[in-house]
Amino acid sequence: MTSLKPWLKIYWPRLLGSVLLLAFFFGNQGFRSLVRNWLELRRLRQEILVMNQQEGQLSQRLAALRAGSGSVERLARKELGYIRPGEIEYRFPPPR
C-alpha cells in the first residue's frame, strides 16, 4: 500500500480526468447514438456501392438485349427453355 500512495499523489489528476472522460463518452446516450449512427452510415455506404455495381451489370445486360444480336434468343432458350418450331429437344439424365 505504501508504493501506491506516491503514485496516486503524482497521477491523481490524470486518473480523475480519464475517469471523467470515460464517464462522459460512454455514460450518455448521445455518444452511443452517434457511434451507432456512424456504423449504420458505413453499412449503408457499402450497400450503395454494391447496388451501384449491380446497376452497372444490369445496364450492360439491358444494352446487350436492346442491341439484338441473338442475346434475346439465347436468353430465352437458356432461361425459359424455348425452342424454334421444327427443332427437336433432346434431354439427357444428369450424370450420377
Protein backbone atom coordinates (compact mmCIF):
# COMPACT_ATOMS: atom_id res chain seq x y z
CA MET A 1 0.00 0.00 0.00
CA THR A 2 2.93 2.32 0.59
CA SER A 3 4.01 2.10 -3.08
CA LEU A 4 0.55 3.13 -4.25
CA LYS A 5 0.36 6.43 -2.34
CA PRO A 6 3.25 8.21 -4.09
CA TRP A 7 1.89 7.11 -7.47
CA LEU A 8 -1.58 8.40 -6.54
CA LYS A 9 -0.19 11.73 -5.37
CA ILE A 10 1.53 12.25 -8.71
CA TYR A 11 -1.06 10.92 -11.15
CA TRP A 12 -4.43 11.62 -9.46
CA PRO A 13 -5.36 14.48 -11.87
CA ARG A 14 -4.76 12.25 -14.90
CA LEU A 15 -6.68 9.39 -13.34
CA LEU A 16 -9.60 11.66 -12.44
CA GLY A 17 -9.61 13.20 -15.92
CA SER A 18 -9.58 9.77 -17.56
CA VAL A 19 -12.47 8.56 -15.42
CA LEU A 20 -14.48 11.71 -16.17
CA LEU A 21 -13.84 11.40 -19.93
CA LEU A 22 -14.84 7.74 -19.93
CA ALA A 23 -17.99 8.54 -17.97
CA PHE A 24 -18.82 11.39 -20.33
CA PHE A 25 -18.35 9.42 -23.55
CA PHE A 26 -19.77 6.08 -22.54
CA GLY A 27 -22.22 7.19 -19.88
CA ASN A 28 -24.53 9.26 -22.03
CA GLN A 29 -26.93 8.13 -24.72
CA GLY A 30 -25.84 10.78 -27.23
CA PHE A 31 -22.35 9.42 -27.81
CA ARG A 32 -23.58 5.85 -28.13
CA SER A 33 -26.22 7.04 -30.57
CA LEU A 34 -23.56 8.90 -32.56
CA VAL A 35 -21.39 5.78 -32.81
CA ARG A 36 -24.39 3.62 -33.76
CA ASN A 37 -25.41 6.11 -36.48
CA TRP A 38 -21.84 6.25 -37.82
CA LEU A 39 -21.72 2.45 -38.08
CA GLU A 40 -25.10 2.43 -39.83
CA LEU A 41 -23.83 5.07 -42.27
CA ARG A 42 -20.79 2.92 -43.11
CA ARG A 43 -23.04 -0.12 -43.70
CA LEU A 44 -25.38 1.87 -45.94
CA ARG A 45 -22.48 3.27 -47.98
CA GLN A 46 -21.22 -0.26 -48.58
CA GLU A 47 -24.71 -1.33 -49.61
CA ILE A 48 -24.91 1.61 -52.04
CA LEU A 49 -21.61 0.56 -53.62
CA VAL A 50 -22.88 -3.00 -54.12
CA MET A 51 -26.14 -1.75 -55.61
CA ASN A 52 -24.29 0.59 -57.99
CA GLN A 53 -22.21 -2.33 -59.22
CA GLN A 54 -25.36 -4.40 -59.74
CA GLU A 55 -26.93 -1.50 -61.61
CA GLY A 56 -23.93 -1.33 -63.94
CA GLN A 57 -24.12 -5.04 -64.67
CA LEU A 58 -27.85 -4.89 -65.32
CA SER A 59 -27.42 -1.84 -67.56
CA GLN A 60 -24.86 -3.72 -69.65
CA ARG A 61 -27.20 -6.70 -69.89
CA LEU A 62 -30.08 -4.45 -70.92
CA ALA A 63 -27.96 -2.74 -73.56
CA ALA A 64 -26.97 -6.14 -74.97
CA LEU A 65 -30.62 -7.22 -75.09
CA ARG A 66 -31.68 -4.00 -76.81
CA ALA A 67 -28.89 -4.29 -79.37
CA GLY A 68 -30.31 -7.59 -80.55
CA SER A 69 -27.55 -9.80 -81.97
CA GLY A 70 -29.07 -13.01 -80.64
CA SER A 71 -28.94 -12.06 -76.99
CA VAL A 72 -32.70 -12.24 -76.59
CA GLU A 73 -32.90 -15.61 -78.30
CA ARG A 74 -30.01 -17.06 -76.31
CA LEU A 75 -31.52 -15.77 -73.06
CA ALA A 76 -34.98 -17.17 -73.92
CA ARG A 77 -33.53 -20.56 -74.78
CA LYS A 78 -31.40 -20.73 -71.67
CA GLU A 79 -33.75 -19.35 -69.01
CA LEU A 80 -37.19 -20.18 -70.44
CA GLY A 81 -36.42 -23.33 -72.43
CA TYR A 82 -37.83 -22.01 -75.71
CA ILE A 83 -37.24 -23.95 -78.92
CA ARG A 84 -37.92 -22.95 -82.52
CA PRO A 85 -40.72 -24.63 -84.44
CA GLY A 86 -39.42 -27.77 -86.10
CA GLU A 87 -36.49 -28.18 -83.69
CA ILE A 88 -36.16 -31.33 -81.63
CA GLU A 89 -35.25 -31.02 -77.98
CA TYR A 90 -33.04 -33.70 -76.52
CA ARG A 91 -32.94 -34.21 -72.78
CA PHE A 92 -30.35 -36.33 -71.08
CA PRO A 93 -30.45 -37.51 -67.48
CA PRO A 94 -27.85 -35.83 -65.29
CA PRO A 95 -24.75 -37.90 -64.55
CA ARG A 96 -24.73 -39.71 -61.24
